[in-house]
Amino acid sequence: MPEEDITTVDGWTREEIIRKIDDGVLKLEVELYYKQEDVFEEGMKRMNLGNTYFQLGNYKAASLEYEEGIKLLPDEKRFYFNLGLVYYKTGFFLESLKMMEKCLKKDRKYAKAYYFRGIIYLLYKSWANSLNNFKKALLLEPDNPKIYYNISCLYFKRGDLKRGLYWLNKAFEKEPQLIINQVFKDKDLEKVRSTDEFKEMINEVRESISEKPELEA
């Protein structure tokens, strides 16, 4: 017969459950369980509130919530990542890199952290570091078109049109309409858009989109 989970007995309060436990060690374990549960819930409240502030553009308030969340749940990678995004949005790129590294220390397979490290290194024209991080992100999220797109931007910024177009084509293969929208908004690609090679690629992508049959409802 399975043992009853005394932490989830219907109709009993926490205090009632603890009072009914005679074993001193078990009582301490249950009290610790409840304490950890409370800490987790408070941490998630900080996460949600910070995310709300972030969406509203109140980055100062968001950072305060994430910092408090780290105190409560120091092993939660998302606090470090989100705080890194706050620093990125407010132009503190080196601080953002530090937060992304802390995030990756908690989870070496967190693709978003590698991706944003790649973005920041790209801003600093640290090509090798940028490419290294983008490729690590790509290993974890091989279907993410934004990673391919930013690798193409890296090569375009270096003046390597051939490799830039190669990676841009990879991005188009993943999600053509999204990348078309992005590529015409990107001010850094103004010179690239004027090349015959780019125009030819865009025409081919647009044709491929128009040729896709519509599914019946």
C-alpha atoms as a PDB file:
ATOM      1  CA  MET A   1       0.000   0.000   0.000  1.00  0.00           C
ATOM      2  CA  PRO A   2       1.501   3.386  -0.973  1.00  0.00           C
ATOM      3  CA  GLU A   3       2.262   5.832   1.784  1.00  0.00           C
ATOM      4  CA  GLU A   4      -0.068   8.795   2.124  1.00  0.00           C
ATOM      5  CA  ASP A   5       1.445  12.152   1.128  1.00  0.00           C
ATOM      6  CA  ILE A   6       0.973  14.080   4.360  1.00  0.00           C
ATOM      7  CA  THR A   7       1.813  17.375   2.671  1.00  0.00           C
ATOM      8  CA  THR A   8      -1.309  17.279   0.508  1.00  0.00           C
ATOM      9  CA  VAL A   9      -4.064  15.960   2.793  1.00  0.00           C
ATOM     10  CA  ASP A  10      -7.390  17.471   1.746  1.00  0.00           C
ATOM     11  CA  GLY A  11      -8.968  19.872   4.210  1.00  0.00           C
ATOM     12  CA  TRP A  12      -5.960  20.185   6.513  1.00  0.00           C
ATOM     13  CA  THR A  13      -3.980  23.364   6.979  1.00  0.00           C
ATOM     14  CA  ARG A  14      -0.205  23.240   7.068  1.00  0.00           C
ATOM     15  CA  GLU A  15      -0.221  23.839  10.801  1.00  0.00           C
ATOM     16  CA  GLU A  16      -2.631  20.936  11.357  1.00  0.00           C
ATOM     17  CA  ILE A  17      -0.486  18.608   9.300  1.00  0.00           C
ATOM     18  CA  ILE A  18       2.671  19.539  11.209  1.00  0.00           C
ATOM     19  CA  ARG A  19       0.944  19.163  14.595  1.00  0.00           C
ATOM     20  CA  LYS A  20      -0.113  15.609  13.701  1.00  0.00           C
ATOM     21  CA  ILE A  21       3.487  14.508  13.018  1.00  0.00           C
ATOM     22  CA  ASP A  22       5.096  12.801  16.016  1.00  0.00           C
ATOM     23  CA  ASP A  23       8.480  12.122  14.397  1.00  0.00           C
ATOM     24  CA  GLY A  24      10.695  15.157  15.070  1.00  0.00           C
ATOM     25  CA  VAL A  25      12.936  14.637  12.021  1.00  0.00           C
ATOM     26  CA  LEU A  26       9.974  14.204   9.697  1.00  0.00           C
ATOM     27  CA  LYS A  27       8.337  17.285  11.165  1.00  0.00           C
ATOM     28  CA  LEU A  28      11.444  19.344  10.338  1.00  0.00           C
ATOM     29  CA  GLU A  29      11.486  17.941   6.813  1.00  0.00           C
ATOM     30  CA  VAL A  30       7.859  18.900   6.248  1.00  0.00           C
ATOM     31  CA  GLU A  31       8.434  22.388   7.647  1.00  0.00           C
ATOM     32  CA  LEU A  32      11.428  22.775   5.325  1.00  0.00           C
ATOM     33  CA  TYR A  33       9.324  21.567   2.395  1.00  0.00           C
ATOM     34  CA  TYR A  34       6.719  24.221   3.056  1.00  0.00           C
ATOM     35  CA  LYS A  35       9.360  26.901   3.459  1.00  0.00           C
ATOM     36  CA  GLN A  36      10.937  25.984   0.123  1.00  0.00           C
ATOM     37  CA  GLU A  37       7.502  25.968  -1.498  1.00  0.00           C
ATOM     38  CA  ASP A  38       6.821  29.476  -0.196  1.00  0.00           C
ATOM     39  CA  VAL A  39      10.200  30.702  -1.446  1.00  0.00           C
ATOM     40  CA  PHE A  40       9.548  29.235  -4.890  1.00  0.00           C
ATOM     41  CA  GLU A  41       6.117  30.842  -5.118  1.00  0.00           C
ATOM     42  CA  GLU A  42       7.523  34.213  -4.066  1.00  0.00           C
ATOM     43  CA  GLY A  43      10.319  33.840  -6.603  1.00  0.00           C
ATOM     44  CA  MET A  44       7.836  33.145  -9.401  1.00  0.00           C
ATOM     45  CA  LYS A  45       5.821  36.182  -8.374  1.00  0.00           C
ATOM     46  CA  ARG A  46       8.982  38.249  -8.760  1.00  0.00           C
ATOM     47  CA  MET A  47       9.564  36.657 -12.166  1.00  0.00           C
ATOM     48  CA  ASN A  48       6.057  37.426 -13.407  1.00  0.00           C
ATOM     49  CA  LEU A  49       6.087  40.959 -12.050  1.00  0.00           C
ATOM     50  CA  GLY A  50       9.508  41.606 -13.563  1.00  0.00           C
ATOM     51  CA  ASN A  51       8.284  40.308 -16.919  1.00  0.00           C
ATOM     52  CA  THR A  52       5.272  42.614 -16.747  1.00  0.00           C
ATOM     53  CA  TYR A  53       7.477  45.626 -16.045  1.00  0.00           C
ATOM     54  CA  PHE A  54       9.789  44.560 -18.874  1.00  0.00           C
ATOM     55  CA  GLN A  55       6.922  44.387 -21.367  1.00  0.00           C
ATOM     56  CA  LEU A  56       5.832  47.863 -20.271  1.00  0.00           C
ATOM     57  CA  GLY A  57       9.347  49.190 -20.839  1.00  0.00           C
ATOM     58  CA  ASN A  58       9.933  49.906 -17.145  1.00  0.00           C
ATOM     59  CA  TYR A  59      13.375  48.317 -17.116  1.00  0.00           C
ATOM     60  CA  LYS A  60      14.425  49.730 -13.756  1.00  0.00           C
ATOM     61  CA  ALA A  61      11.461  48.153 -11.982  1.00  0.00           C
ATOM     62  CA  ALA A  62      11.980  44.917 -13.915  1.00  0.00           C
ATOM     63  CA  SER A  63      15.633  44.722 -12.874  1.00  0.00           C
ATOM     64  CA  LEU A  64      14.712  45.188  -9.211  1.00  0.00           C
ATOM     65  CA  GLU A  65      12.253  42.292  -9.384  1.00  0.00           C
ATOM     66  CA  TYR A  66      14.773  40.020 -11.096  1.00  0.00           C
ATOM     67  CA  GLU A  67      17.462  40.913  -8.555  1.00  0.00           C
ATOM     68  CA  GLU A  68      15.105  40.040  -5.702  1.00  0.00           C
ATOM     69  CA  GLY A  69      14.223  36.840  -7.516  1.00  0.00           C
ATOM     70  CA  ILE A  70      17.895  35.853  -7.674  1.00  0.00           C
ATOM     71  CA  LYS A  71      18.144  36.251  -3.898  1.00  0.00           C
ATOM     72  CA  LEU A  72      15.194  33.885  -3.488  1.00  0.00           C
ATOM     73  CA  LEU A  73      16.060  31.386  -6.231  1.00  0.00           C
ATOM     74  CA  PRO A  74      19.777  31.725  -7.039  1.00  0.00           C
ATOM     75  CA  ASP A  75      19.746  28.636  -9.276  1.00  0.00           C
ATOM     76  CA  GLU A  76      16.936  29.862 -11.536  1.00  0.00           C
ATOM     77  CA  LYS A  77      18.595  30.586 -14.895  1.00  0.00           C
ATOM     78  CA  ARG A  78      15.745  32.731 -16.201  1.00  0.00           C
ATOM     79  CA  PHE A  79      16.395  35.489 -13.668  1.00  0.00           C
ATOM     80  CA  TYR A  80      19.945  35.923 -14.958  1.00  0.00           C
ATOM     81  CA  PHE A  81      18.815  35.768 -18.575  1.00  0.00           C
ATOM     82  CA  ASN A  82      16.017  38.290 -18.061  1.00  0.00           C
ATOM     83  CA  LEU A  83      18.305  40.626 -16.144  1.00  0.00           C
ATOM     84  CA  GLY A  84      20.759  40.287 -19.014  1.00  0.00           C
ATOM     85  CA  LEU A  85      17.996  41.377 -21.395  1.00  0.00           C
ATOM     86  CA  VAL A  86      17.335  44.437 -19.226  1.00  0.00           C
ATOM     87  CA  TYR A  87      21.007  45.396 -19.462  1.00  0.00           C
ATOM     88  CA  TYR A  88      20.923  44.780 -23.213  1.00  0.00           C
ATOM     89  CA  LYS A  89      17.845  46.964 -23.684  1.00  0.00           C
ATOM     90  CA  THR A  90      19.386  49.778 -21.645  1.00  0.00           C
ATOM     91  CA  GLY A  91      22.742  49.682 -23.440  1.00  0.00           C
ATOM     92  CA  PHE A  92      24.843  48.074 -20.698  1.00  0.00           C
ATOM     93  CA  PHE A  93      26.214  45.405 -22.994  1.00  0.00           C
ATOM     94  CA  LEU A  94      29.135  44.222 -20.870  1.00  0.00           C
ATOM     95  CA  GLU A  95      26.812  43.752 -17.898  1.00  0.00           C
ATOM     96  CA  SER A  96      24.467  41.866 -20.188  1.00  0.00           C
ATOM     97  CA  LEU A  97      27.294  39.524 -21.196  1.00  0.00           C
ATOM     98  CA  LYS A  98      28.054  38.850 -17.534  1.00  0.00           C
ATOM     99  CA  MET A  99      24.440  37.940 -16.835  1.00  0.00           C
ATOM    100  CA  MET A 100      24.281  35.654 -19.863  1.00  0.00           C
ATOM    101  CA  GLU A 101      27.400  33.868 -18.625  1.00  0.00           C
ATOM    102  CA  LYS A 102      25.823  33.415 -15.193  1.00  0.00           C
ATOM    103  CA  CYS A 103      22.740  32.045 -16.903  1.00  0.00           C
ATOM    104  CA  LEU A 104      24.853  29.547 -18.838  1.00  0.00           C
ATOM    105  CA  LYS A 105      26.586  28.427 -15.650  1.00  0.00           C
ATOM    106  CA  LYS A 106      23.163  27.303 -14.483  1.00  0.00           C
ATOM    107  CA  ASP A 107      22.324  25.659 -17.810  1.00  0.00           C
ATOM    108  CA  ARG A 108      24.908  25.152 -20.562  1.00  0.00           C
ATOM    109  CA  LYS A 109      22.137  24.232 -23.006  1.00  0.00           C
ATOM    110  CA  TYR A 110      20.195  27.483 -22.774  1.00  0.00           C
ATOM    111  CA  ALA A 111      20.174  28.534 -26.424  1.00  0.00           C
ATOM    112  CA  LYS A 112      18.756  32.020 -25.867  1.00  0.00           C
ATOM    113  CA  ALA A 113      21.762  33.019 -23.762  1.00  0.00           C
ATOM    114  CA  TYR A 114      24.199  31.966 -26.494  1.00  0.00           C
ATOM    115  CA  TYR A 115      22.089  33.820 -29.050  1.00  0.00           C
ATOM    116  CA  PHE A 116      22.167  37.116 -27.175  1.00  0.00           C
ATOM    117  CA  ARG A 117      25.871  36.748 -26.445  1.00  0.00           C
ATOM    118  CA  GLY A 118      26.271  36.430 -30.205  1.00  0.00           C
ATOM    119  CA  ILE A 119      24.213  39.589 -30.742  1.00  0.00           C
ATOM    120  CA  ILE A 120      26.283  41.585 -28.242  1.00  0.00           C
ATOM    121  CA  TYR A 121      29.622  40.400 -29.607  1.00  0.00           C
ATOM    122  CA  LEU A 122      28.328  41.344 -33.059  1.00  0.00           C
ATOM    123  CA  LEU A 123      27.729  44.894 -31.811  1.00  0.00           C
ATOM    124  CA  TYR A 124      31.352  44.994 -30.644  1.00  0.00           C
ATOM    125  CA  LYS A 125      32.525  43.542 -33.978  1.00  0.00           C
ATOM    126  CA  SER A 126      34.060  40.624 -32.112  1.00  0.00           C
ATOM    127  CA  TRP A 127      33.413  38.358 -35.072  1.00  0.00           C
ATOM    128  CA  ALA A 128      34.909  35.105 -33.778  1.00  0.00           C
ATOM    129  CA  ASN A 129      33.155  35.298 -30.408  1.00  0.00           C
ATOM    130  CA  SER A 130      29.893  36.245 -32.071  1.00  0.00           C
ATOM    131  CA  LEU A 131      30.019  33.394 -34.572  1.00  0.00           C
ATOM    132  CA  ASN A 132      31.028  30.906 -31.879  1.00  0.00           C
ATOM    133  CA  ASN A 133      27.994  31.784 -29.766  1.00  0.00           C
ATOM    134  CA  PHE A 134      25.587  31.787 -32.706  1.00  0.00           C
ATOM    135  CA  LYS A 135      26.771  28.323 -33.705  1.00  0.00           C
ATOM    136  CA  LYS A 136      26.329  27.032 -30.154  1.00  0.00           C
ATOM    137  CA  ALA A 137      22.791  28.402 -30.210  1.00  0.00           C
ATOM    138  CA  LEU A 138      22.239  26.781 -33.594  1.00  0.00           C
ATOM    139  CA  LEU A 139      23.242  23.352 -32.292  1.00  0.00           C
ATOM    140  CA  LEU A 140      20.515  23.670 -29.670  1.00  0.00           C
ATOM    141  CA  GLU A 141      17.880  25.308 -31.895  1.00  0.00           C
ATOM    142  CA  PRO A 142      18.616  24.237 -35.486  1.00  0.00           C
ATOM    143  CA  ASP A 143      15.227  25.456 -36.746  1.00  0.00           C
ATOM    144  CA  ASN A 144      15.485  28.991 -35.390  1.00  0.00           C
ATOM    145  CA  PRO A 145      15.583  31.328 -38.440  1.00  0.00           C
ATOM    146  CA  LYS A 146      16.820  34.303 -36.418  1.00  0.00           C
ATOM    147  CA  ILE A 147      20.103  32.565 -35.671  1.00  0.00           C
ATOM    148  CA  TYR A 148      20.772  31.929 -39.365  1.00  0.00           C
ATOM    149  CA  TYR A 149      19.778  35.514 -40.123  1.00  0.00           C
ATOM    150  CA  ASN A 150      22.196  37.005 -37.612  1.00  0.00           C
ATOM    151  CA  ILE A 151      25.028  34.816 -38.847  1.00  0.00           C
ATOM    152  CA  SER A 152      24.325  36.222 -42.308  1.00  0.00           C
ATOM    153  CA  CYS A 153      24.419  39.746 -40.852  1.00  0.00           C
ATOM    154  CA  LEU A 154      27.793  38.978 -39.304  1.00  0.00           C
ATOM    155  CA  TYR A 155      29.262  38.072 -42.686  1.00  0.00           C
ATOM    156  CA  PHE A 156      27.623  41.049 -44.384  1.00  0.00           C
ATOM    157  CA  LYS A 157      29.157  43.370 -41.791  1.00  0.00           C
ATOM    158  CA  ARG A 158      32.551  41.809 -42.519  1.00  0.00           C
ATOM    159  CA  GLY A 159      32.053  42.461 -46.228  1.00  0.00           C
ATOM    160  CA  ASP A 160      31.717  38.767 -47.106  1.00  0.00           C
ATOM    161  CA  LEU A 161      28.712  38.881 -49.447  1.00  0.00           C
ATOM    162  CA  LYS A 162      28.984  35.255 -50.572  1.00  0.00           C
ATOM    163  CA  ARG A 163      28.868  33.748 -47.077  1.00  0.00           C
ATOM    164  CA  GLY A 164      26.292  36.293 -45.963  1.00  0.00           C
ATOM    165  CA  LEU A 165      23.941  35.265 -48.768  1.00  0.00           C
ATOM    166  CA  TYR A 166      24.568  31.592 -47.991  1.00  0.00           C
ATOM    167  CA  TRP A 167      23.389  32.007 -44.400  1.00  0.00           C
ATOM    168  CA  LEU A 168      20.582  34.343 -45.416  1.00  0.00           C
ATOM    169  CA  ASN A 169      19.313  31.644 -47.753  1.00  0.00           C
ATOM    170  CA  LYS A 170      19.401  29.207 -44.820  1.00  0.00           C
ATOM    171  CA  ALA A 171      17.245  31.644 -42.854  1.00  0.00           C
ATOM    172  CA  PHE A 172      14.786  31.912 -45.755  1.00  0.00           C
ATOM    173  CA  GLU A 173      14.514  28.118 -45.856  1.00  0.00           C
ATOM    174  CA  LYS A 174      13.340  28.105 -42.234  1.00  0.00           C
ATOM    175  CA  GLU A 175      10.808  30.941 -42.317  1.00  0.00           C
ATOM    176  CA  PRO A 176      10.818  32.994 -45.531  1.00  0.00           C
ATOM    177  CA  GLN A 177       8.155  35.609 -44.794  1.00  0.00           C
ATOM    178  CA  LEU A 178       9.575  36.465 -41.374  1.00  0.00           C
ATOM    179  CA  ILE A 179      13.058  36.950 -42.795  1.00  0.00           C
ATOM    180  CA  ILE A 180      11.831  38.983 -45.784  1.00  0.00           C
ATOM    181  CA  ASN A 181      10.115  41.364 -43.382  1.00  0.00           C
ATOM    182  CA  GLN A 182      13.262  41.623 -41.269  1.00  0.00           C
ATOM    183  CA  VAL A 183      15.751  42.010 -44.078  1.00  0.00           C
ATOM    184  CA  PHE A 184      13.983  45.060 -45.502  1.00  0.00           C
ATOM    185  CA  LYS A 185      13.787  46.728 -42.088  1.00  0.00           C
ATOM    186  CA  ASP A 186      17.459  46.232 -41.251  1.00  0.00           C
ATOM    187  CA  LYS A 187      19.338  49.492 -41.894  1.00  0.00           C
ATOM    188  CA  ASP A 188      22.686  47.682 -41.776  1.00  0.00           C
ATOM    189  CA  LEU A 189      21.796  45.744 -44.931  1.00  0.00           C
ATOM    190  CA  GLU A 190      21.124  48.746 -47.156  1.00  0.00           C
ATOM    191  CA  LYS A 191      24.195  48.102 -49.332  1.00  0.00           C
ATOM    192  CA  VAL A 192      23.480  44.383 -49.497  1.00  0.00           C
ATOM    193  CA  ARG A 193      19.930  45.036 -50.728  1.00  0.00           C
ATOM    194  CA  SER A 194      21.328  46.965 -53.703  1.00  0.00           C
ATOM    195  CA  THR A 195      23.337  44.005 -55.028  1.00  0.00           C
ATOM    196  CA  ASP A 196      22.126  41.906 -57.947  1.00  0.00           C
ATOM    197  CA  GLU A 197      22.789  38.702 -55.994  1.00  0.00           C
ATOM    198  CA  PHE A 198      20.479  39.797 -53.185  1.00  0.00           C
ATOM    199  CA  LYS A 199      17.727  40.898 -55.585  1.00  0.00           C
ATOM    200  CA  GLU A 200      17.897  37.560 -57.384  1.00  0.00           C
ATOM    201  CA  MET A 201      17.623  35.660 -54.101  1.00  0.00           C
ATOM    202  CA  ILE A 202      14.651  37.745 -52.945  1.00  0.00           C
ATOM    203  CA  ASN A 203      12.815  37.146 -56.217  1.00  0.00           C
ATOM    204  CA  GLU A 204      13.351  33.396 -55.886  1.00  0.00           C
ATOM    205  CA  VAL A 205      12.119  33.406 -52.287  1.00  0.00           C
ATOM    206  CA  ARG A 206       9.013  35.403 -53.189  1.00  0.00           C
ATOM    207  CA  GLU A 207       8.252  33.021 -56.033  1.00  0.00           C
ATOM    208  CA  SER A 208       8.597  30.034 -53.722  1.00  0.00           C
ATOM    209  CA  ILE A 209       6.179  31.626 -51.253  1.00  0.00           C
ATOM    210  CA  SER A 210       3.582  32.342 -53.944  1.00  0.00           C
ATOM    211  CA  GLU A 211       3.859  28.792 -55.286  1.00  0.00           C
ATOM    212  CA  LYS A 212       2.941  27.170 -51.972  1.00  0.00           C
ATOM    213  CA  PRO A 213      -0.612  25.755 -52.208  1.00  0.00           C
ATOM    214  CA  GLU A 214      -3.158  26.914 -49.668  1.00  0.00           C
ATOM    215  CA  LEU A 215      -4.550  24.245 -47.362  1.00  0.00           C
ATOM    216  CA  GLU A 216      -8.266  23.578 -47.310  1.00  0.00           C
ATOM    217  CA  ALA A 217     -10.022  24.648 -44.120  1.00  0.00           C
END
